[in-house]
């Protein structure tokens, strides 16, 4: 199925590692022009190189998405160098080591807020005005099954629930301008070593060993964990005109682990 994404300019935050890497690669395979905004410069160069070697188009931008001024400057650079942004994928996120709530600290909550919720608001705020002017655009944000309430993920889940509420609000406020906003909620995705750079947030131990992973898999109806590409395919669908009548929606890509209503 041709998703009609060829030539579209797509921003993917955190697009160099793990799920973001797969999203960037799949958009490029569809012929989109991909702008990877990521703080891991080395991994960004690697992912951009992989995309170009495969015949795709990608450009990397070194960015900490919690920096308001730098984000605005990077978005302006993308539009100046690549063209008008058609699709924004808010992918940056971090869940840290799974802990009971009373073991968490205010410093940890603040980091979770900055990387999971503030970053989504920040980048969307930078991209949205020009989408409104052009009266078209798609915003796809990566949430998490933790947003529906998950054991030992109080801070992460709270921030991802905020992403869902934000997504639905944007859908209601800006649908009149032809802008769609949807969210994809992944289950557990464990990246292979080549999909993660040393500077990636995913290089940090999240405190989940083989036994815990096996326990999670046993509770998944399809009995398999999602891979990064599974998330990417759902993102591409939401970004395409095939989903032209879908906005304010969330889909869980977890093999049935979560079934949001």
Protein backbone atom coordinates (compact mmCIF):
# COMPACT_ATOMS: atom_id res chain seq x y z
CA UNK A 1 0.00 0.00 0.00
CA UNK A 2 1.34 3.39 -1.02
CA UNK A 3 0.97 5.64 2.02
CA UNK A 4 1.58 8.79 0.01
CA UNK A 5 4.51 9.89 2.17
CA UNK A 6 7.04 10.39 -0.63
CA UNK A 7 8.48 13.89 -0.52
CA UNK A 8 6.93 14.71 2.85
CA UNK A 9 9.21 16.47 5.34
CA UNK A 10 9.13 14.59 8.63
CA UNK A 11 10.69 15.56 11.97
CA UNK A 12 11.46 12.67 14.30
CA UNK A 13 12.68 13.65 17.77
CA UNK A 14 15.00 11.11 19.32
CA UNK A 15 15.12 9.63 15.85
CA UNK A 16 18.58 8.07 16.03
CA UNK A 17 18.07 5.16 18.44
CA UNK A 18 15.64 2.34 19.18
CA UNK A 19 12.02 3.17 18.24
CA UNK A 20 13.00 6.55 16.80
CA UNK A 21 15.59 4.92 14.56
CA UNK A 22 13.02 2.50 13.18
CA UNK A 23 10.55 5.35 12.60
CA UNK A 24 13.18 7.37 10.74
CA UNK A 25 14.16 4.39 8.61
CA UNK A 26 10.60 3.48 7.69
CA UNK A 27 9.68 7.03 6.71
CA UNK A 28 12.80 7.17 4.53
CA UNK A 29 11.84 3.87 2.88
CA UNK A 30 8.52 5.48 1.94
CA UNK A 31 10.39 8.32 0.25
CA UNK A 32 9.95 10.94 2.96
CA UNK A 33 12.62 13.54 3.76
CA UNK A 34 13.56 12.84 7.38
CA UNK A 35 14.94 15.34 9.90
CA UNK A 36 16.35 13.55 12.93
CA UNK A 37 16.48 15.72 16.05
CA UNK A 38 18.59 13.91 18.64
CA UNK A 39 21.07 14.73 21.39
CA UNK A 40 23.33 11.76 20.49
CA UNK A 41 25.37 13.24 17.65
CA UNK A 42 27.39 10.09 16.95
CA UNK A 43 24.35 7.82 16.74
CA UNK A 44 22.55 10.44 14.63
CA UNK A 45 25.39 10.40 12.11
CA UNK A 46 25.24 6.60 12.07
CA UNK A 47 21.48 6.46 11.49
CA UNK A 48 21.58 9.19 8.85
CA UNK A 49 24.37 7.28 7.11
CA UNK A 50 22.38 4.04 7.19
CA UNK A 51 19.37 5.77 5.64
CA UNK A 52 21.44 7.39 2.90
CA UNK A 53 23.25 4.13 2.15
CA UNK A 54 19.82 2.55 1.62
CA UNK A 55 18.90 5.30 -0.84
CA UNK A 56 16.83 7.45 1.52
CA UNK A 57 16.96 11.11 2.51
CA UNK A 58 17.83 12.17 6.05
CA UNK A 59 19.53 15.04 7.86
CA UNK A 60 20.59 15.11 11.50
CA UNK A 61 20.26 17.99 13.96
CA UNK A 62 21.96 17.95 17.35
CA UNK A 63 19.29 18.96 19.85
CA UNK A 64 18.25 18.71 23.49
CA UNK A 65 14.47 18.97 23.07
CA UNK A 66 14.05 20.37 26.58
CA UNK A 67 15.87 23.54 25.44
CA UNK A 68 13.18 25.95 24.24
CA UNK A 69 15.39 28.31 22.25
CA UNK A 70 17.46 25.55 20.66
CA UNK A 71 14.31 23.69 19.66
CA UNK A 72 12.85 26.74 17.94
CA UNK A 73 16.14 27.28 16.12
CA UNK A 74 16.34 23.64 14.99
CA UNK A 75 12.78 23.63 13.68
CA UNK A 76 13.47 26.85 11.77
CA UNK A 77 16.62 25.25 10.33
CA UNK A 78 14.66 22.19 9.17
CA UNK A 79 12.13 24.33 7.32
CA UNK A 80 14.85 26.51 5.84
CA UNK A 81 16.98 23.58 4.68
CA UNK A 82 14.47 20.83 3.92
CA UNK A 83 11.14 22.57 3.41
CA UNK A 84 7.81 22.86 5.16
CA UNK A 85 7.26 20.27 7.90
CA UNK A 86 4.38 17.95 7.04
CA UNK A 87 4.72 15.49 9.91
CA UNK A 88 6.02 15.79 13.47
CA UNK A 89 6.79 12.63 15.43
CA UNK A 90 7.31 13.32 19.13
CA UNK A 91 9.35 10.27 20.01
CA UNK A 92 11.77 11.43 22.73
CA UNK A 93 11.13 9.68 26.03
CA UNK A 94 12.76 8.09 29.04
CA UNK A 95 11.52 5.72 31.73
CA UNK A 96 14.64 5.07 33.80
CA UNK A 97 14.88 2.13 36.17
CA UNK A 98 11.52 0.70 37.24
CA UNK A 99 10.95 1.63 40.89
CA UNK A 100 8.16 1.79 43.43
CA UNK A 101 6.80 5.32 43.78
CA UNK A 102 8.18 5.88 47.30
CA UNK A 103 11.66 5.06 46.02
CA UNK A 104 11.54 7.87 43.47
CA UNK A 105 12.93 11.36 44.09
CA UNK A 106 11.77 14.81 43.00
CA UNK A 107 14.89 14.99 40.80
CA UNK A 108 13.75 11.84 39.01
CA UNK A 109 10.21 13.25 38.54
CA UNK A 110 11.65 16.41 37.06
CA UNK A 111 13.77 14.48 34.59
CA UNK A 112 10.78 12.35 33.62
CA UNK A 113 8.72 15.51 33.09
CA UNK A 114 11.36 17.21 30.97
CA UNK A 115 12.01 14.26 28.69
CA UNK A 116 8.54 12.78 28.34
CA UNK A 117 6.02 15.60 28.57
CA UNK A 118 7.77 18.97 28.34
CA UNK A 119 9.70 17.88 25.25
CA UNK A 120 6.46 16.96 23.48
CA UNK A 121 4.87 20.31 24.29
CA UNK A 122 8.05 22.18 23.41
CA UNK A 123 8.61 20.72 19.95
CA UNK A 124 4.92 20.79 19.05
CA UNK A 125 4.75 24.46 20.05
CA UNK A 126 7.62 25.18 17.66
CA UNK A 127 6.18 23.25 14.71
CA UNK A 128 2.44 23.89 15.02
CA UNK A 129 2.19 27.60 14.05
CA UNK A 130 3.37 26.99 10.49
CA UNK A 131 1.14 23.95 10.17
CA UNK A 132 -1.77 26.18 11.15
CA UNK A 133 -0.74 28.75 8.52
CA UNK A 134 -0.68 26.04 5.84
CA UNK A 135 -3.85 24.42 7.21
CA UNK A 136 -2.42 20.91 7.12
CA UNK A 137 -0.15 18.64 9.11
CA UNK A 138 0.05 15.51 11.22
CA UNK A 139 1.42 15.15 14.74
CA UNK A 140 2.10 11.67 16.07
CA UNK A 141 3.33 11.35 19.65
CA UNK A 142 4.80 8.27 21.25
CA UNK A 143 3.06 7.51 24.54
CA UNK A 144 3.33 4.20 26.41
CA UNK A 145 1.18 1.43 27.82
CA UNK A 146 2.38 2.81 31.18
CA UNK A 147 -0.01 5.72 30.56
CA UNK A 148 -2.88 3.37 31.43
CA UNK A 149 -1.36 2.54 34.84
CA UNK A 150 1.61 0.24 35.19
CA UNK A 151 3.45 -1.33 38.12
CA UNK A 152 6.64 0.57 39.17
CA UNK A 153 6.24 3.27 36.53
CA UNK A 154 4.43 6.02 38.44
CA UNK A 155 6.40 8.99 37.12
CA UNK A 156 6.82 7.71 33.56
CA UNK A 157 3.18 6.64 33.33
CA UNK A 158 1.95 9.98 34.63
CA UNK A 159 3.97 11.88 32.02
CA UNK A 160 2.86 9.61 29.18
CA UNK A 161 -0.75 10.00 30.30
CA UNK A 162 -0.11 13.72 29.96
CA UNK A 163 1.07 13.11 26.38
CA UNK A 164 -2.25 11.41 25.63
CA UNK A 165 -4.28 14.29 27.10
CA UNK A 166 -2.15 16.80 25.19
CA UNK A 167 -2.63 14.86 21.95
CA UNK A 168 -6.40 14.87 22.31
CA UNK A 169 -6.45 18.57 23.14
CA UNK A 170 -4.39 19.44 20.07
CA UNK A 171 -6.73 17.30 17.97
CA UNK A 172 -9.76 19.22 19.25
CA UNK A 173 -8.24 22.68 19.06
CA UNK A 174 -6.55 22.47 15.67
CA UNK A 175 -8.61 19.99 13.68
CA UNK A 176 -10.37 22.99 12.12
CA UNK A 177 -7.05 23.83 10.47
CA UNK A 178 -6.68 20.40 8.89
CA UNK A 179 -4.22 19.18 11.54
CA UNK A 180 -4.49 15.68 12.94
CA UNK A 181 -2.94 14.56 16.23
CA UNK A 182 -2.72 10.93 17.30
CA UNK A 183 -0.63 8.79 19.64
CA UNK A 184 0.99 5.37 19.58
CA UNK A 185 1.48 3.57 22.90
CA UNK A 186 4.22 0.92 22.72
CA UNK A 187 4.55 -1.97 25.09
CA UNK A 188 7.99 -3.24 26.08
CA UNK A 189 10.55 -2.76 23.28
CA UNK A 190 14.12 -3.87 23.93
CA UNK A 191 16.48 -2.58 21.25
CA UNK A 192 19.37 -4.59 19.80
CA UNK A 193 22.85 -3.16 20.52
CA UNK A 194 23.26 -1.68 17.02
CA UNK A 195 20.08 0.35 17.47
CA UNK A 196 21.36 2.32 20.47
CA UNK A 197 24.18 4.83 20.70
CA UNK A 198 26.35 5.40 23.77
CA UNK A 199 24.78 8.82 24.26
CA UNK A 200 21.24 7.51 23.98
CA UNK A 201 18.88 7.48 26.94
CA UNK A 202 18.30 3.83 26.07
CA UNK A 203 21.91 3.00 26.96
CA UNK A 204 20.98 3.45 30.63
CA UNK A 205 20.00 0.30 32.55
CA UNK A 206 16.26 0.33 33.14
CA UNK A 207 16.48 -2.45 35.75
CA UNK A 208 14.73 -5.22 33.83
CA UNK A 209 16.42 -8.61 33.67
CA UNK A 210 15.66 -11.69 31.54
CA UNK A 211 13.29 -13.15 34.14
CA UNK A 212 11.23 -9.95 34.30
CA UNK A 213 11.11 -9.79 30.50
CA UNK A 214 9.96 -13.42 30.36
CA UNK A 215 7.24 -12.70 32.90
CA UNK A 216 6.00 -9.80 30.80
CA UNK A 217 5.98 -11.90 27.63
CA UNK A 218 3.93 -14.60 29.34
CA UNK A 219 1.21 -12.03 30.00
CA UNK A 220 1.01 -10.83 26.39
CA UNK A 221 -1.89 -12.43 24.47
CA UNK A 222 0.25 -12.76 21.32
CA UNK A 223 3.15 -14.07 23.46
CA UNK A 224 5.77 -11.82 21.87
CA UNK A 225 7.23 -8.44 22.61
CA UNK A 226 6.88 -5.69 20.06
CA UNK A 227 9.86 -4.70 17.96
CA UNK A 228 10.68 -1.10 17.13
CA UNK A 229 9.48 -1.53 13.56
CA UNK A 230 6.02 -2.55 14.83
CA UNK A 231 5.72 0.87 16.44
CA UNK A 232 7.06 2.58 13.32
CA UNK A 233 4.42 1.03 11.05
CA UNK A 234 1.61 2.40 13.22
CA UNK A 235 3.24 5.84 13.27
CA UNK A 236 3.50 5.88 9.48
CA UNK A 237 -0.16 4.96 9.12
CA UNK A 238 -1.27 7.76 11.44
CA UNK A 239 0.95 10.20 9.52
CA UNK A 240 -0.48 9.21 6.15
CA UNK A 241 -3.62 10.33 4.35
CA UNK A 242 -4.90 6.77 4.80
CA UNK A 243 -5.71 7.93 8.33
CA UNK A 244 -7.26 11.20 7.16
CA UNK A 245 -10.36 10.73 9.34
CA UNK A 246 -8.45 9.69 12.47
CA UNK A 247 -7.52 12.26 15.08
CA UNK A 248 -7.32 12.29 18.87
CA UNK A 249 -6.79 8.53 18.84
CA UNK A 250 -4.35 6.22 20.61
CA UNK A 251 -3.36 2.72 19.55
CA UNK A 252 -1.49 0.32 21.82
CA UNK A 253 1.15 -1.68 19.97
CA UNK A 254 1.85 -4.34 22.56
CA UNK A 255 0.51 -7.66 21.32
CA UNK A 256 -2.63 -7.10 23.37
CA UNK A 257 -0.89 -6.41 26.68
CA UNK A 258 -2.92 -3.22 26.99
CA UNK A 259 -6.32 -2.67 25.44
CA UNK A 260 -7.25 1.00 25.97
CA UNK A 261 -10.87 2.00 25.57
